[in-house]
Amino acid sequence: MNGKRWKRSATTVYNIGYHLIWCPK
């Protein structure tokens, strides 16, 4: 399994969610 790829995807999702919280539509 490519753990590095999964971790990178998880980080992206986390960053998007964090940004949405601080910058709502």
PDB file of N, CA and C in Angstrom:
ATOM      1  N   MET A   1       0.851  -1.202   0.000  1.00  0.00           N
ATOM      2  CA  MET A   1       0.000   0.000   0.000  1.00  0.00           C
ATOM      3  C   MET A   1       0.888   1.254   0.000  1.00  0.00           C
ATOM      4  N   ASN A   2       0.423   2.275  -0.662  1.00  0.00           N
ATOM      5  CA  ASN A   2       1.198   3.512  -0.702  1.00  0.00           C
ATOM      6  C   ASN A   2       0.698   4.447   0.395  1.00  0.00           C
ATOM      7  N   GLY A   3       1.257   4.318   1.592  1.00  0.00           N
ATOM      8  CA  GLY A   3       0.828   5.139   2.729  1.00  0.00           C
ATOM      9  C   GLY A   3       1.116   6.612   2.494  1.00  0.00           C
ATOM     10  N   LYS A   4       2.212   6.896   1.801  1.00  0.00           N
ATOM     11  CA  LYS A   4       2.589   8.297   1.574  1.00  0.00           C
ATOM     12  C   LYS A   4       1.519   9.011   0.743  1.00  0.00           C
ATOM     13  N   ARG A   5       0.987   8.292  -0.261  1.00  0.00           N
ATOM     14  CA  ARG A   5      -0.033   8.906  -1.116  1.00  0.00           C
ATOM     15  C   ARG A   5      -1.308   9.173  -0.320  1.00  0.00           C
ATOM     16  N   TRP A   6      -1.696   8.199   0.524  1.00  0.00           N
ATOM     17  CA  TRP A   6      -2.919   8.363   1.326  1.00  0.00           C
ATOM     18  C   TRP A   6      -2.760   9.535   2.280  1.00  0.00           C
ATOM     19  N   LYS A   7      -1.577   9.622   2.889  1.00  0.00           N
ATOM     20  CA  LYS A   7      -1.336  10.689   3.852  1.00  0.00           C
ATOM     21  C   LYS A   7      -1.427  12.048   3.167  1.00  0.00           C
ATOM     22  N   ARG A   8      -0.897  12.129   1.947  1.00  0.00           N
ATOM     23  CA  ARG A   8      -0.935  13.386   1.205  1.00  0.00           C
ATOM     24  C   ARG A   8      -2.379  13.785   0.904  1.00  0.00           C
ATOM     25  N   SER A   9      -3.203  12.802   0.522  1.00  0.00           N
ATOM     26  CA  SER A   9      -4.607  13.067   0.225  1.00  0.00           C
ATOM     27  C   SER A   9      -5.328  13.529   1.480  1.00  0.00           C
ATOM     28  N   ALA A  10      -5.044  12.866   2.603  1.00  0.00           N
ATOM     29  CA  ALA A  10      -5.686  13.221   3.865  1.00  0.00           C
ATOM     30  C   ALA A  10      -5.319  14.646   4.240  1.00  0.00           C
ATOM     31  N   THR A  11      -4.067  15.028   4.010  1.00  0.00           N
ATOM     32  CA  THR A  11      -3.617  16.380   4.337  1.00  0.00           C
ATOM     33  C   THR A  11      -4.362  17.396   3.484  1.00  0.00           C
ATOM     34  N   THR A  12      -4.559  17.083   2.210  1.00  0.00           N
ATOM     35  CA  THR A  12      -5.270  17.990   1.309  1.00  0.00           C
ATOM     36  C   THR A  12      -6.698  18.203   1.791  1.00  0.00           C
ATOM     37  N   VAL A  13      -7.370  17.119   2.137  1.00  0.00           N
ATOM     38  CA  VAL A  13      -8.751  17.204   2.625  1.00  0.00           C
ATOM     39  C   VAL A  13      -8.799  18.035   3.900  1.00  0.00           C
ATOM     40  N   TYR A  14      -7.839  17.819   4.788  1.00  0.00           N
ATOM     41  CA  TYR A  14      -7.783  18.557   6.052  1.00  0.00           C
ATOM     42  C   TYR A  14      -7.589  20.044   5.785  1.00  0.00           C
ATOM     43  N   ASN A  15      -6.682  20.375   4.867  1.00  0.00           N
ATOM     44  CA  ASN A  15      -6.421  21.776   4.544  1.00  0.00           C
ATOM     45  C   ASN A  15      -7.654  22.445   3.947  1.00  0.00           C
ATOM     46  N   ILE A  16      -8.366  21.737   3.072  1.00  0.00           N
ATOM     47  CA  ILE A  16      -9.574  22.289   2.457  1.00  0.00           C
ATOM     48  C   ILE A  16     -10.621  22.562   3.534  1.00  0.00           C
ATOM     49  N   GLY A  17     -10.837  21.602   4.419  1.00  0.00           N
ATOM     50  CA  GLY A  17     -11.818  21.773   5.491  1.00  0.00           C
ATOM     51  C   GLY A  17     -11.440  22.936   6.385  1.00  0.00           C
ATOM     52  N   TYR A  18     -10.158  23.059   6.697  1.00  0.00           N
ATOM     53  CA  TYR A  18      -9.674  24.145   7.560  1.00  0.00           C
ATOM     54  C   TYR A  18      -9.915  25.492   6.884  1.00  0.00           C
ATOM     55  N   HIS A  19      -9.657  25.565   5.590  1.00  0.00           N
ATOM     56  CA  HIS A  19      -9.843  26.800   4.829  1.00  0.00           C
ATOM     57  C   HIS A  19     -11.328  27.185   4.777  1.00  0.00           C
ATOM     58  N   LEU A  20     -12.197  26.172   4.593  1.00  0.00           N
ATOM     59  CA  LEU A  20     -13.631  26.442   4.527  1.00  0.00           C
ATOM     60  C   LEU A  20     -14.131  27.012   5.846  1.00  0.00           C
ATOM     61  N   ILE A  21     -13.548  26.544   6.963  1.00  0.00           N
ATOM     62  CA  ILE A  21     -13.968  27.033   8.278  1.00  0.00           C
ATOM     63  C   ILE A  21     -13.608  28.509   8.429  1.00  0.00           C
ATOM     64  N   TRP A  22     -12.411  28.878   7.990  1.00  0.00           N
ATOM     65  CA  TRP A  22     -11.948  30.263   8.131  1.00  0.00           C
ATOM     66  C   TRP A  22     -12.473  31.154   7.014  1.00  0.00           C
ATOM     67  N   CYS A  23     -12.746  30.559   5.839  1.00  0.00           N
ATOM     68  CA  CYS A  23     -13.216  31.361   4.702  1.00  0.00           C
ATOM     69  C   CYS A  23     -14.513  30.775   4.153  1.00  0.00           C
ATOM     70  N   PRO A  24     -15.614  30.934   4.897  1.00  0.00           N
ATOM     71  CA  PRO A  24     -16.899  30.401   4.438  1.00  0.00           C
ATOM     72  C   PRO A  24     -17.347  31.079   3.153  1.00  0.00           C
ATOM     73  N   LYS A  25     -18.229  30.422   2.427  1.00  0.00           N
ATOM     74  CA  LYS A  25     -18.709  30.980   1.163  1.00  0.00           C
ATOM     75  C   LYS A  25     -19.376  32.332   1.393  1.00  0.00           C
TER      76      LYS A  25
END
